[in-house]
């Protein structure tokens, strides 16, 4: 099968600033594409030129076609890119593909695909609420007017239960099957050894609220029974120096290790050995790192902002509640074996291969 994936925005751009990476090999959509390839299919990815890597990506196992953004001052490439030339490209090439997957309903690229090749198109939906830009007016117009009319023949595949409930308000064709981002099971898999350590895998930016996590962890290690625990912080961002200063101020610099950015291969071992992944974000949807932790057999402690919070709570994969604190970290320590087993069980359905297989099954029922 030949699969075409349309995902213009390859990475999250904080404050609208796109930071081009040396390779796109570690980004979510590349891992998703590898799931299809492992099943024996070929993949082509369409993306925005602004996210083209700075290095040579010839070793990627799929083809990438980049499109420059039209009117970038209005249709910002980090939010709603208007890919110049994509309509013509799809007109010329879409018939060569058996399955087309476009990311998000509220994207011009998805609308273009819906007009050119609706019968082979699945829209993979992460958003579970209206975007706040301009008092939500553009989002409300799009979902109330564009989706039920110009995208009415397209099947929507939600990435979470909240996303599915949201899209049922605007489309009659929403899959009952949920397809998460998918993780690389060859790199991220459960282990038998556990360290006295918690882990944060995140951009070190304000909305991730890593400072709150550090303060909660400080209250844990202030107790004699848990003074030997470590917090591994993996990621980089403009808050890095402030967070390092905070750990020094709290007197826990010996318990906190800042690793900087790590590739998935470098991240895999500390993630599977951690007692839990810690999340306290102020604004996120489907966090890839949550699925990666579960696939690694690692429980998750999170607030309810991520779309997968209910999945964690319902399946015993950790703790999901707003205002979680050091007492919840102690609960995870005491109940680690049970939560770990649940993560191992559920994680099998979160690999990129399992997610690709689900997409193909959904497409087979169109």
Protein backbone atom coordinates (compact mmCIF):
# COMPACT_ATOMS: atom_id res chain seq x y z
CA UNK A 1 0.00 0.00 0.00
CA UNK A 2 1.16 3.55 -0.76
CA UNK A 3 0.39 5.95 2.07
CA UNK A 4 0.43 9.74 1.88
CA UNK A 5 0.64 11.69 5.15
CA UNK A 6 -0.06 15.43 5.22
CA UNK A 7 1.35 17.13 8.32
CA UNK A 8 2.55 20.64 7.58
CA UNK A 9 3.51 21.56 11.16
CA UNK A 10 6.29 19.17 12.17
CA UNK A 11 7.18 20.57 15.60
CA UNK A 12 5.60 22.87 18.19
CA UNK A 13 6.68 26.48 17.69
CA UNK A 14 6.74 28.32 21.02
CA UNK A 15 5.51 31.92 20.64
CA UNK A 16 5.30 31.36 16.89
CA UNK A 17 9.05 30.89 16.52
CA UNK A 18 9.96 27.88 14.38
CA UNK A 19 13.27 26.34 15.37
CA UNK A 20 14.50 24.19 12.52
CA UNK A 21 16.18 20.98 13.63
CA UNK A 22 19.06 19.10 12.07
CA UNK A 23 16.73 16.21 11.30
CA UNK A 24 13.01 15.51 11.44
CA UNK A 25 13.73 11.87 12.22
CA UNK A 26 12.82 12.25 15.90
CA UNK A 27 9.56 14.16 15.42
CA UNK A 28 6.19 12.53 16.08
CA UNK A 29 5.01 12.24 12.48
CA UNK A 30 8.24 10.55 11.37
CA UNK A 31 7.78 7.88 13.99
CA UNK A 32 4.14 7.48 12.91
CA UNK A 33 5.28 7.01 9.31
CA UNK A 34 7.76 4.31 10.33
CA UNK A 35 4.86 2.25 11.68
CA UNK A 36 3.45 1.91 8.16
CA UNK A 37 6.87 1.16 6.74
CA UNK A 38 7.40 -1.64 9.23
CA UNK A 39 4.15 -3.17 8.02
CA UNK A 40 5.56 -3.20 4.49
CA UNK A 41 3.96 -0.04 3.07
CA UNK A 42 5.62 2.97 1.43
CA UNK A 43 5.11 6.49 2.78
CA UNK A 44 5.35 10.03 1.45
CA UNK A 45 5.09 12.99 3.82
CA UNK A 46 3.94 16.49 2.84
CA UNK A 47 5.15 19.31 5.12
CA UNK A 48 5.77 23.05 5.25
CA UNK A 49 9.07 24.35 3.90
CA UNK A 50 9.60 26.35 7.10
CA UNK A 51 10.17 23.09 8.99
CA UNK A 52 12.72 21.68 6.54
CA UNK A 53 15.68 20.37 8.60
CA UNK A 54 19.06 22.05 8.50
CA UNK A 55 20.88 18.75 7.98
CA UNK A 56 20.74 15.99 5.41
CA UNK A 57 17.75 13.70 5.93
CA UNK A 58 18.51 11.28 3.11
CA UNK A 59 18.50 8.34 5.54
CA UNK A 60 14.80 8.79 6.33
CA UNK A 61 12.89 5.69 5.18
CA UNK A 62 10.24 7.82 3.46
CA UNK A 63 10.06 10.67 0.96
CA UNK A 64 9.31 14.22 2.13
CA UNK A 65 7.90 16.96 -0.10
CA UNK A 66 8.06 20.49 1.32
CA UNK A 67 5.78 23.38 0.34
CA UNK A 68 6.43 27.08 1.00
CA UNK A 69 3.72 28.96 2.88
CA UNK A 70 1.57 31.48 1.07
CA UNK A 71 0.96 34.83 2.85
CA UNK A 72 2.92 33.79 5.98
CA UNK A 73 2.19 37.10 7.73
CA UNK A 74 -1.52 36.18 7.77
CA UNK A 75 -1.50 32.38 7.56
CA UNK A 76 1.31 31.79 10.00
CA UNK A 77 3.33 28.64 9.22
CA UNK A 78 3.43 27.73 12.92
CA UNK A 79 -0.38 27.73 13.23
CA UNK A 80 -2.31 27.67 9.97
CA UNK A 81 0.03 27.37 6.97
CA UNK A 82 -1.34 27.79 3.45
CA UNK A 83 0.91 25.44 1.45
CA UNK A 84 1.62 26.94 -1.93
CA UNK A 85 1.40 24.35 -4.69
CA UNK A 86 -0.11 21.55 -2.60
CA UNK A 87 -3.44 21.62 -4.43
CA UNK A 88 -1.73 21.13 -7.79
CA UNK A 89 0.57 18.44 -6.34
CA UNK A 90 -2.39 16.47 -4.99
CA UNK A 91 -4.26 16.80 -8.28
CA UNK A 92 -1.27 15.28 -10.06
CA UNK A 93 -0.25 12.62 -7.53
CA UNK A 94 -3.12 11.70 -5.16
CA UNK A 95 -4.42 8.92 -7.42
CA UNK A 96 -1.14 7.06 -6.93
CA UNK A 97 -1.86 6.61 -3.20
CA UNK A 98 -4.15 4.07 -1.59
CA UNK A 99 -4.54 5.98 1.68
CA UNK A 100 -4.20 9.67 2.53
CA UNK A 101 -3.96 10.83 6.16
CA UNK A 102 -4.14 14.55 6.98
CA UNK A 103 -3.44 16.00 10.40
CA UNK A 104 -6.24 18.09 11.97
CA UNK A 105 -9.57 19.29 10.57
CA UNK A 106 -8.72 22.94 11.13
CA UNK A 107 -5.90 23.09 8.59
CA UNK A 108 -5.92 24.47 5.07
CA UNK A 109 -3.92 21.44 3.90
CA UNK A 110 -6.67 19.13 5.20
CA UNK A 111 -9.32 21.17 3.39
CA UNK A 112 -7.33 20.91 0.16
CA UNK A 113 -7.09 17.13 0.56
CA UNK A 114 -10.81 16.91 1.34
CA UNK A 115 -11.63 18.62 -1.94
CA UNK A 116 -9.17 16.63 -4.06
CA UNK A 117 -9.31 13.07 -2.67
CA UNK A 118 -12.08 12.69 -0.04
CA UNK A 119 -12.74 8.99 -0.69
CA UNK A 120 -9.24 7.95 0.38
CA UNK A 121 -8.77 10.54 3.11
CA UNK A 122 -8.68 10.12 6.88
CA UNK A 123 -8.34 13.24 9.00
CA UNK A 124 -6.38 12.47 12.16
CA UNK A 125 -7.79 14.77 14.84
CA UNK A 126 -5.91 15.87 17.95
CA UNK A 127 -7.74 19.10 18.84
CA UNK A 128 -10.53 18.53 21.35
CA UNK A 129 -11.54 22.18 21.79
CA UNK A 130 -11.64 25.43 19.85
CA UNK A 131 -8.37 27.24 19.34
CA UNK A 132 -8.27 30.44 21.39
CA UNK A 133 -6.87 32.63 18.60
CA UNK A 134 -9.00 35.78 18.03
CA UNK A 135 -11.56 34.82 20.69
CA UNK A 136 -12.08 31.41 19.05
CA UNK A 137 -13.92 33.01 16.11
CA UNK A 138 -11.84 31.47 13.26
CA UNK A 139 -12.05 28.04 14.88
CA UNK A 140 -15.81 28.24 15.47
CA UNK A 141 -16.40 29.38 11.90
CA UNK A 142 -14.27 26.53 10.55
CA UNK A 143 -15.91 23.77 12.58
CA UNK A 144 -19.47 25.08 12.18
CA UNK A 145 -19.25 25.97 8.48
CA UNK A 146 -16.30 24.31 6.72
CA UNK A 147 -16.23 20.86 8.33
CA UNK A 148 -19.95 19.96 7.86
CA UNK A 149 -20.01 21.26 4.29
CA UNK A 150 -16.68 21.09 2.48
CA UNK A 151 -15.33 18.17 4.55
CA UNK A 152 -18.60 16.27 4.99
CA UNK A 153 -17.48 13.14 3.14
CA UNK A 154 -14.29 12.66 5.12
CA UNK A 155 -13.83 10.20 7.99
CA UNK A 156 -12.38 11.72 11.17
CA UNK A 157 -10.10 9.55 13.30
CA UNK A 158 -9.70 10.96 16.83
CA UNK A 159 -6.45 10.68 18.75
CA UNK A 160 -8.31 10.68 22.10
CA UNK A 161 -11.79 10.29 23.53
CA UNK A 162 -12.15 14.07 24.09
CA UNK A 163 -11.20 14.69 20.45
CA UNK A 164 -13.83 12.20 19.35
CA UNK A 165 -16.54 13.85 21.46
CA UNK A 166 -15.55 17.26 20.08
CA UNK A 167 -15.72 16.16 16.44
CA UNK A 168 -19.08 14.39 16.85
CA UNK A 169 -20.52 17.90 17.20
CA UNK A 170 -19.47 18.80 13.66
CA UNK A 171 -19.16 15.61 11.60
CA UNK A 172 -21.31 12.54 10.99
CA UNK A 173 -18.27 10.46 10.10
CA UNK A 174 -16.19 10.06 13.24
CA UNK A 175 -14.44 6.75 13.84
CA UNK A 176 -15.13 4.91 17.08
CA UNK A 177 -11.54 3.69 16.99
CA UNK A 178 -9.00 5.98 18.68
CA UNK A 179 -5.52 6.16 17.17
CA UNK A 180 -2.82 7.73 19.33
CA UNK A 181 0.48 9.13 18.05
CA UNK A 182 2.31 5.82 18.32
CA UNK A 183 5.73 5.04 19.78
CA UNK A 184 8.76 3.19 18.48
CA UNK A 185 8.57 -0.20 20.17
CA UNK A 186 12.11 -1.07 19.02
CA UNK A 187 13.50 1.81 21.08
CA UNK A 188 10.89 2.29 23.81
CA UNK A 189 9.97 -0.91 25.62
CA UNK A 190 9.54 -2.02 29.26
CA UNK A 191 12.44 -3.10 31.43
CA UNK A 192 12.88 -5.06 34.65
CA UNK A 193 15.06 -2.56 36.55
CA UNK A 194 13.72 0.56 38.24
CA UNK A 195 15.71 3.44 39.69
CA UNK A 196 14.76 5.69 42.58
CA UNK A 197 14.05 8.38 40.04
CA UNK A 198 11.25 10.38 38.50
CA UNK A 199 11.53 11.87 35.05
CA UNK A 200 10.40 14.96 33.14
CA UNK A 201 10.60 14.86 29.33
CA UNK A 202 9.59 18.28 28.10
CA UNK A 203 10.47 21.55 26.49
CA UNK A 204 11.68 23.79 29.28
CA UNK A 205 9.19 26.55 28.57
CA UNK A 206 6.72 28.34 30.79
CA UNK A 207 3.55 26.47 29.79
CA UNK A 208 5.09 23.14 30.78
CA UNK A 209 5.29 24.36 34.41
CA UNK A 210 8.38 22.34 35.21
CA UNK A 211 9.02 24.72 38.10
CA UNK A 212 5.89 23.41 39.84
CA UNK A 213 7.12 19.84 39.37
CA UNK A 214 10.49 20.70 40.88
CA UNK A 215 8.83 22.25 43.94
CA UNK A 216 6.65 19.17 44.46
CA UNK A 217 9.66 16.91 44.09
CA UNK A 218 11.54 19.04 46.64
CA UNK A 219 8.81 18.34 49.19
CA UNK A 220 9.17 14.62 48.49
CA UNK A 221 12.94 14.45 49.02
CA UNK A 222 12.64 16.59 52.14
CA UNK A 223 11.22 13.44 53.76
CA UNK A 224 13.92 11.05 55.04
CA UNK A 225 12.31 8.00 53.46
CA UNK A 226 12.63 9.53 49.97
CA UNK A 227 15.76 11.69 50.24
CA UNK A 228 17.66 9.42 47.83
CA UNK A 229 15.23 9.94 44.93
CA UNK A 230 16.41 11.72 41.78
CA UNK A 231 14.59 13.87 39.23
CA UNK A 232 15.88 13.54 35.66
CA UNK A 233 14.90 16.52 33.50
CA UNK A 234 15.26 15.88 29.78
CA UNK A 235 14.74 18.73 27.35
CA UNK A 236 15.81 22.29 26.69
CA UNK A 237 14.21 25.70 26.41
CA UNK A 238 14.34 29.29 27.56
CA UNK A 239 13.48 28.37 31.17
CA UNK A 240 16.51 26.08 31.65
CA UNK A 241 18.68 28.51 33.61
CA UNK A 242 15.79 29.66 35.79
CA UNK A 243 14.94 26.05 36.63
CA UNK A 244 18.55 25.29 37.53
CA UNK A 245 18.58 28.34 39.78
CA UNK A 246 15.34 27.13 41.41
CA UNK A 247 16.86 23.73 42.28
CA UNK A 248 19.83 25.50 43.87
CA UNK A 249 17.54 27.80 45.83
CA UNK A 250 15.59 24.80 47.10
CA UNK A 251 18.83 23.03 48.01
CA UNK A 252 18.08 19.97 45.88
CA UNK A 253 20.67 20.40 43.12
CA UNK A 254 22.20 17.05 44.14
CA UNK A 255 18.82 15.36 43.49
CA UNK A 256 18.05 16.96 40.12
CA UNK A 257 19.93 16.22 36.90
CA UNK A 258 19.44 18.38 33.78
CA UNK A 259 20.30 16.26 30.75
CA UNK A 260 19.37 18.71 27.99
CA UNK A 261 17.85 17.43 24.75
CA UNK A 262 18.24 13.69 24.15
CA UNK A 263 17.34 11.61 21.12
CA UNK A 264 14.85 8.80 21.57
CA UNK A 265 17.67 6.26 21.71
CA UNK A 266 19.37 8.25 24.47
CA UNK A 267 16.09 8.84 26.29
CA UNK A 268 14.88 5.23 26.26
CA UNK A 269 16.93 3.83 29.14
CA UNK A 270 16.24 6.54 31.77
CA UNK A 271 12.57 6.60 30.77
CA UNK A 272 12.02 2.86 31.24
CA UNK A 273 13.94 2.87 34.54
CA UNK A 274 11.98 5.81 36.01
CA UNK A 275 9.36 5.35 38.70
CA UNK A 276 7.05 7.74 36.86
CA UNK A 277 6.87 10.44 34.21
CA UNK A 278 5.76 13.75 35.72
CA UNK A 279 3.50 16.21 33.85
CA UNK A 280 1.87 19.43 35.08
CA UNK A 281 1.26 21.35 31.87
CA UNK A 282 -0.95 24.40 31.50
CA UNK A 283 -1.73 23.75 27.83
CA UNK A 284 -1.30 20.47 25.95
CA UNK A 285 -3.36 17.90 24.08
CA UNK A 286 -2.01 14.46 23.17
CA UNK A 287 1.48 14.50 24.64
CA UNK A 288 3.73 12.09 22.79
CA UNK A 289 5.85 11.64 25.90
CA UNK A 290 2.90 10.17 27.81
CA UNK A 291 2.45 7.42 25.24
CA UNK A 292 6.22 6.89 25.19
CA UNK A 293 6.27 6.46 28.97
CA UNK A 294 3.40 3.96 28.96
CA UNK A 295 5.04 1.96 26.17
CA UNK A 296 8.20 1.91 28.30
CA UNK A 297 6.23 0.46 31.22
CA UNK A 298 6.54 3.72 33.17
CA UNK A 299 3.52 5.10 35.07
CA UNK A 300 2.45 8.72 34.56
CA UNK A 301 1.56 11.38 37.10
CA UNK A 302 -0.25 14.23 35.36
CA UNK A 303 -2.87 16.91 35.71
CA UNK A 304 -6.01 16.66 33.57
CA UNK A 305 -4.91 19.04 30.79
CA UNK A 306 -3.57 16.31 28.44
CA UNK A 307 -6.29 14.57 26.41
CA UNK A 308 -5.06 11.19 27.59
CA UNK A 309 -5.60 11.96 31.30
CA UNK A 310 -8.83 9.95 31.46
CA UNK A 311 -7.13 7.04 29.71
CA UNK A 312 -4.45 7.02 32.41
CA UNK A 313 -6.99 7.14 35.23
CA UNK A 314 -9.37 4.56 33.74
CA UNK A 315 -6.65 1.99 33.10
CA UNK A 316 -4.56 2.35 36.24
CA UNK A 317 -1.56 3.72 34.36
CA UNK A 318 -0.65 6.23 37.05
CA UNK A 319 -2.41 9.21 38.61
CA UNK A 320 -4.32 11.92 36.75
CA UNK A 321 -5.63 14.76 38.87
CA UNK A 322 -5.27 18.50 39.06
CA UNK A 323 -3.16 19.67 41.96
CA UNK A 324 -1.26 16.42 42.34
CA UNK A 325 1.50 16.67 44.93
CA UNK A 326 4.21 14.72 46.75
CA UNK A 327 1.62 12.41 48.30
CA UNK A 328 0.77 11.19 44.78
CA UNK A 329 4.43 10.50 44.11
CA UNK A 330 4.47 8.35 47.24
CA UNK A 331 1.37 6.49 45.98
CA UNK A 332 3.15 5.68 42.74
CA UNK A 333 6.20 4.44 44.62
CA UNK A 334 4.03 2.20 46.79
CA UNK A 335 1.92 0.92 43.86
CA UNK A 336 4.57 0.87 41.17
CA UNK A 337 4.38 -2.87 40.38
CA UNK A 338 0.64 -2.76 39.70
CA UNK A 339 0.86 0.41 37.60
CA UNK A 340 3.88 -0.90 35.72
CA UNK A 341 2.02 -4.08 34.75
CA UNK A 342 -0.92 -2.00 33.51
CA UNK A 343 1.44 0.13 31.38
CA UNK A 344 3.03 -2.97 29.88
CA UNK A 345 -0.41 -4.32 29.01
CA UNK A 346 -1.84 -1.14 27.49
CA UNK A 347 1.43 0.01 25.91
CA UNK A 348 1.27 -2.72 23.28
CA UNK A 349 -1.60 -0.84 21.59
CA UNK A 350 0.30 2.45 21.57
CA UNK A 351 3.20 1.48 19.31
CA UNK A 352 3.53 3.07 15.88
CA UNK A 353 2.92 -0.32 14.24
CA UNK A 354 -0.29 -0.87 16.20
CA UNK A 355 -1.46 2.65 15.33
CA UNK A 356 -0.65 2.18 11.64
CA UNK A 357 -2.54 -1.11 11.64
CA UNK A 358 -5.59 0.60 13.15
CA UNK A 359 -5.49 3.30 10.46
CA UNK A 360 -5.37 0.70 7.72
CA UNK A 361 -8.31 -1.19 9.25
CA UNK A 362 -10.35 2.02 9.45
CA UNK A 363 -9.53 2.82 5.83
CA UNK A 364 -10.59 -0.67 4.83
CA UNK A 365 -14.08 0.05 6.12
CA UNK A 366 -14.54 3.28 4.15
